[in-house]
Amino acid sequence: MGYCSEEMETTLVYDKVGKFWRAYTNVPAHLTKFNKQGWEVDKIVQEDGRMIAAFYHAPANAVSIRSAKRDKRSMTEEQRVAAADRLRKARAQKGE
């Protein structure tokens, strides 16, 4: 049965003394992400043989706090063409 959307959450806690992150999640996409990113599993919560939640831990450098504002890069048409040319040349050199 799992959790309904209103009950799903992900919690991150930083342990300053131990210099590591602890996480709990029951959000399916976050379960997948933590597993793929190599977070170590401390405990798995299962229902009918499938994982519905988990507790994880990871070193301090596993999380990066970024700016909430995400300014989109603005380029002139000339800059865009020049960047495309540089990328094309770099890809051609890599294929040699």
Protein backbone atom coordinates (compact mmCIF):
# COMPACT_ATOMS: atom_id res chain seq x y z
CA MET A 1 0.00 0.00 0.00
CA GLY A 2 2.83 2.44 0.80
CA TYR A 3 2.24 6.10 1.52
CA CYS A 4 -0.17 8.57 -0.05
CA SER A 5 1.31 11.75 -1.54
CA GLU A 6 0.39 13.86 1.50
CA GLU A 7 2.40 11.50 3.74
CA MET A 8 5.56 11.40 1.61
CA GLU A 9 8.61 13.30 2.84
CA THR A 10 12.39 13.44 2.77
CA THR A 11 14.33 14.65 5.79
CA LEU A 12 18.03 15.54 5.89
CA VAL A 13 19.88 16.08 9.17
CA TYR A 14 23.51 17.14 9.44
CA ASP A 15 25.60 15.83 12.34
CA LYS A 16 28.28 18.48 12.88
CA VAL A 17 30.30 16.43 15.38
CA GLY A 18 30.37 13.30 13.19
CA LYS A 19 30.53 15.35 9.97
CA PHE A 20 27.93 13.30 8.11
CA TRP A 21 24.39 13.56 6.78
CA ARG A 22 21.50 11.36 7.83
CA ALA A 23 18.44 11.04 5.64
CA TYR A 24 15.00 9.49 5.81
CA THR A 25 12.74 9.25 2.80
CA ASN A 26 9.60 7.53 1.66
CA VAL A 27 9.48 9.38 -1.68
CA PRO A 28 10.07 6.78 -4.44
CA ALA A 29 12.15 9.11 -6.64
CA HIS A 30 14.36 10.03 -3.67
CA LEU A 31 14.81 6.38 -2.68
CA THR A 32 16.13 5.73 -6.17
CA LYS A 33 18.35 8.82 -6.11
CA PHE A 34 19.92 8.02 -2.72
CA ASN A 35 20.65 4.47 -3.86
CA LYS A 36 22.16 5.57 -7.18
CA GLN A 37 24.28 8.25 -5.51
CA GLY A 38 25.84 5.71 -3.16
CA TRP A 39 24.33 6.75 0.17
CA GLU A 40 24.73 3.91 2.69
CA VAL A 41 21.51 2.31 3.87
CA ASP A 42 21.02 2.10 7.64
CA LYS A 43 17.51 0.64 7.69
CA ILE A 44 14.92 -0.33 5.09
CA VAL A 45 11.17 -0.25 5.68
CA GLN A 46 9.40 -2.87 3.59
CA GLU A 47 5.80 -3.68 2.88
CA ASP A 48 4.76 -6.78 0.96
CA GLY A 49 8.42 -7.39 0.10
CA ARG A 50 9.06 -3.99 -1.48
CA MET A 51 10.98 -1.02 -0.09
CA ILE A 52 8.66 1.85 0.85
CA ALA A 53 11.06 3.91 2.98
CA ALA A 54 14.69 3.96 4.09
CA PHE A 55 17.18 5.61 6.41
CA TYR A 56 20.59 6.55 4.94
CA HIS A 57 23.86 8.23 5.86
CA ALA A 58 26.63 9.86 3.81
CA PRO A 59 29.73 12.02 4.37
CA ALA A 60 29.50 15.79 4.73
CA ASN A 61 30.49 16.44 1.10
CA ALA A 62 27.48 14.47 -0.21
CA VAL A 63 25.20 17.52 0.02
CA SER A 64 25.72 20.92 -1.55
CA ILE A 65 23.46 23.83 -0.62
CA ARG A 66 22.86 26.07 -3.61
CA SER A 67 21.16 29.34 -4.34
CA ALA A 68 17.38 29.15 -4.50
CA LYS A 69 17.46 31.72 -7.30
CA ARG A 70 18.28 30.19 -10.59
CA ASP A 71 19.12 32.88 -13.10
CA LYS A 72 18.97 31.67 -16.64
CA ARG A 73 22.08 32.41 -18.64
CA SER A 74 21.46 35.02 -21.29
CA MET A 75 23.57 35.00 -24.44
CA THR A 76 23.50 37.09 -27.54
CA GLU A 77 23.07 35.28 -30.86
CA GLU A 78 26.76 35.85 -31.63
CA GLN A 79 27.78 34.31 -28.28
CA ARG A 80 25.47 31.34 -28.90
CA VAL A 81 27.01 30.73 -32.36
CA ALA A 82 30.56 31.03 -30.98
CA ALA A 83 29.78 28.58 -28.15
CA ALA A 84 28.24 26.11 -30.61
CA ASP A 85 31.38 26.33 -32.80
CA ARG A 86 33.66 25.70 -29.79
CA LEU A 87 31.58 22.70 -28.76
CA ARG A 88 31.55 21.31 -32.30
CA LYS A 89 35.36 21.62 -32.52
CA ALA A 90 35.85 20.01 -29.10
CA ARG A 91 33.62 17.07 -30.04
CA ALA A 92 35.47 16.64 -33.35
CA GLN A 93 38.84 16.56 -31.54
CA LYS A 94 37.53 14.04 -29.03
CA GLY A 95 36.40 11.74 -31.87
CA GLU A 96 39.84 11.70 -33.52
